[in-house]
Protein backbone atom coordinates (compact mmCIF):
# COMPACT_ATOMS: atom_id res chain seq x y z
CA MET A 1 -136.31 115.40 -91.49
CA THR A 2 -133.98 113.28 -93.92
CA THR A 3 -130.52 111.93 -92.02
CA THR A 4 -128.23 113.09 -94.07
CA VAL A 5 -124.79 110.03 -94.78
CA PRO A 6 -122.61 111.82 -92.60
CA GLU A 7 -124.85 111.31 -89.60
CA LEU A 8 -125.32 107.76 -90.91
CA ALA A 9 -121.71 107.72 -90.90
CA GLN A 10 -121.34 109.23 -87.43
CA GLY A 11 -124.05 106.95 -86.18
CA TRP A 12 -122.64 104.18 -87.33
CA CYS A 13 -118.95 104.90 -85.76
CA ALA A 14 -120.93 105.09 -82.23
CA LEU A 15 -123.23 102.07 -82.50
CA SER A 16 -119.55 100.46 -83.95
CA LEU A 17 -118.05 101.84 -80.87
CA LEU A 18 -120.29 100.37 -78.23
CA HIS A 19 -120.52 97.05 -79.80
CA GLY A 20 -116.83 96.86 -79.34
CA ARG A 21 -116.96 98.46 -76.15
CA ILE A 22 -119.14 95.76 -74.79
CA GLU A 23 -117.82 92.40 -76.43
CA THR A 24 -114.32 93.47 -75.10
CA ARG A 25 -115.73 94.04 -71.55
CA LEU A 26 -117.87 90.44 -72.19
CA GLU A 27 -114.65 88.80 -73.67
CA ARG A 28 -112.12 89.69 -71.26
CA ALA A 29 -115.04 88.37 -68.02
CA LEU A 30 -115.70 85.52 -69.29
CA GLN A 31 -111.93 84.56 -70.53
CA ALA A 32 -110.85 84.98 -66.99
CA ALA A 33 -113.70 83.78 -65.06
CA HIS A 34 -114.64 80.77 -67.58
CA ASP A 35 -111.85 79.85 -69.98
CA LEU A 36 -115.05 81.13 -72.35
CA SER A 37 -115.12 83.12 -75.15
CA VAL A 38 -118.27 85.41 -76.06
CA ARG A 39 -118.81 83.29 -79.45
CA GLU A 40 -118.96 80.04 -77.33
CA TYR A 41 -120.98 81.75 -74.48
CA THR A 42 -123.43 83.18 -77.04
CA LEU A 43 -123.58 79.47 -78.68
CA LEU A 44 -124.03 77.68 -75.71
CA ASP A 45 -127.24 80.27 -74.73
CA VAL A 46 -128.70 79.90 -77.66
CA LEU A 47 -128.48 76.11 -77.71
CA SER A 48 -129.42 76.02 -74.58
CA ARG A 49 -133.11 77.83 -74.87
CA GLN A 50 -134.42 74.92 -77.81
CA HIS A 51 -137.21 73.40 -77.23
CA SER A 52 -138.50 69.24 -78.00
CA GLY A 53 -141.58 71.14 -79.65
CA GLU A 54 -141.65 71.60 -82.96
CA GLY A 55 -139.36 74.17 -84.45
CA GLY A 56 -137.69 73.82 -81.15
CA HIS A 57 -134.16 72.50 -83.04
CA LEU A 58 -132.08 74.60 -84.32
CA GLN A 59 -130.91 73.76 -87.87
CA MET A 60 -127.01 74.86 -88.29
CA LYS A 61 -127.84 77.74 -90.93
CA GLN A 62 -129.84 79.14 -87.90
CA VAL A 63 -127.26 79.06 -85.61
CA ALA A 64 -125.11 80.59 -87.61
CA ASP A 65 -127.19 83.71 -87.52
CA ALA A 66 -127.59 83.95 -83.91
CA VAL A 67 -123.99 83.75 -83.18
CA VAL A 68 -123.51 86.01 -86.00
CA LEU A 69 -121.29 83.67 -87.67
CA SER A 70 -120.50 81.74 -90.86
CA GLN A 71 -122.07 78.26 -90.99
CA SER A 72 -118.40 77.09 -91.71
CA ALA A 73 -117.18 79.33 -88.78
CA THR A 74 -120.24 78.02 -86.29
CA THR A 75 -119.31 74.27 -87.65
CA ARG A 76 -115.89 74.85 -85.87
CA LEU A 77 -116.85 76.43 -83.05
CA VAL A 78 -119.51 73.71 -82.35
CA THR A 79 -116.74 71.14 -82.92
CA ARG A 80 -114.27 73.05 -80.08
CA LEU A 81 -117.17 72.98 -77.58
CA GLU A 82 -117.75 69.54 -78.84
CA ASP A 83 -114.38 68.37 -77.92
CA ARG A 84 -114.35 70.04 -74.42
CA GLY A 85 -117.54 67.39 -73.48
CA LEU A 86 -119.66 70.68 -73.46
CA LEU A 87 -122.12 69.98 -76.70
CA SER A 88 -123.11 66.78 -78.43
CA ARG A 89 -124.59 66.78 -82.31
CA TYR A 90 -126.93 64.13 -83.29
CA LEU A 91 -129.17 62.95 -86.34
CA CYS A 92 -132.37 64.56 -86.65
CA PRO A 93 -135.40 62.21 -86.17
CA THR A 94 -137.55 63.10 -88.52
CA ASP A 95 -134.67 63.57 -91.67
CA ARG A 96 -131.62 61.71 -91.59
CA ARG A 97 -129.72 64.66 -93.70
CA GLY A 98 -130.39 67.06 -90.34
CA ILE A 99 -127.57 67.12 -87.82
CA TYR A 100 -129.08 68.75 -84.55
CA THR A 101 -127.11 70.27 -81.20
CA ASP A 102 -127.33 70.02 -78.24
CA VAL A 103 -125.99 71.44 -74.42
CA SER A 104 -124.45 68.58 -72.75
CA ASP A 105 -124.75 68.74 -68.79
CA ASP A 106 -121.06 69.81 -68.76
CA GLY A 107 -122.21 72.71 -70.87
CA LEU A 108 -124.94 73.71 -69.06
CA SER A 109 -123.49 73.88 -65.72
CA LEU A 110 -120.61 76.02 -67.11
CA LEU A 111 -123.34 78.93 -69.03
CA ARG A 112 -125.20 78.26 -65.41
CA ARG A 113 -121.93 79.37 -63.93
CA ALA A 114 -120.88 82.00 -66.42
CA ARG A 115 -124.19 83.62 -67.17
CA PRO A 116 -123.61 86.18 -64.07
CA THR A 117 -120.40 86.72 -65.19
CA HIS A 118 -121.50 87.72 -68.28
CA ASP A 119 -124.71 89.58 -66.98
CA ASP A 120 -122.71 91.58 -64.81
CA ALA A 121 -119.96 92.46 -67.13
CA LEU A 122 -122.80 93.56 -69.85
CA ARG A 123 -123.94 96.19 -67.37
CA GLU A 124 -120.60 97.69 -65.87
CA ALA A 125 -120.00 97.98 -70.06
CA LEU A 126 -123.70 99.40 -70.53
CA ASP A 127 -123.17 101.90 -67.44
CA GLU A 128 -119.34 103.23 -68.10
CA ALA A 129 -120.76 103.61 -71.91
CA ALA A 130 -123.69 105.69 -70.79
CA ARG A 131 -121.41 108.18 -69.20
CA ASP A 132 -119.99 108.64 -72.77
CA PRO A 133 -121.99 111.45 -74.10
CA ARG A 134 -121.66 109.69 -77.88
CA LEU A 135 -122.69 106.55 -76.75
CA HIS A 136 -125.81 107.82 -73.74
CA ARG A 137 -128.58 107.69 -76.41
CA LEU A 138 -127.31 103.96 -78.14
CA VAL A 139 -127.76 102.80 -74.93
CA GLN A 140 -131.03 103.91 -74.02
CA ALA A 141 -132.21 102.30 -77.09
CA VAL A 142 -130.67 99.16 -76.43
CA GLU A 143 -131.98 99.26 -72.79
CA GLU A 144 -135.69 99.97 -73.96
CA LEU A 145 -135.68 96.98 -76.04
CA ASN A 146 -136.88 94.99 -73.83
CA GLY A 147 -137.55 96.83 -70.74
CA SER A 148 -134.62 97.09 -68.72
CA PRO A 149 -133.61 99.50 -66.17
CA PRO A 150 -132.38 102.81 -67.78
CA ALA A 151 -128.82 103.97 -67.52
CA ARG A 152 -127.06 106.25 -65.20
CA THR A 153 -127.30 109.76 -66.62
CA PRO A 154 -123.67 111.05 -68.20
CA GLN A 155 -121.50 113.01 -65.51
CA VAL A 156 -120.88 116.40 -66.93
């Protein structure tokens, strides 16, 4: 069975709505509790997962892809967090043209404090969205991606 363009558009609108609701909830919670935007939190989270093994450090293009920003916007974001003492940059030891970014101790500490806020806000946003019949199936799909506990069934 082929999905029609109007059905695809309706699905895309639902996905966009779910994303917007989640991002709004995360933004409010992170800003209020930790003075962090969603993008800043995501950048700290992505960079904190780097390791010293082969391929363990991300190049700026990879970081930009991970935080869903352009390279120039990512560079500005890195600079802002570096100015706050949350990140540091250094030259790649094997390629002097490459610049890597690491999370500072202060950045790791902030990330540890912010993670429960992020996770709670995400859970709340998904639970709320699961009660919306237009979004329930999308929430289930998101949760099934990593074996998360299922969303509550919508109340009719």
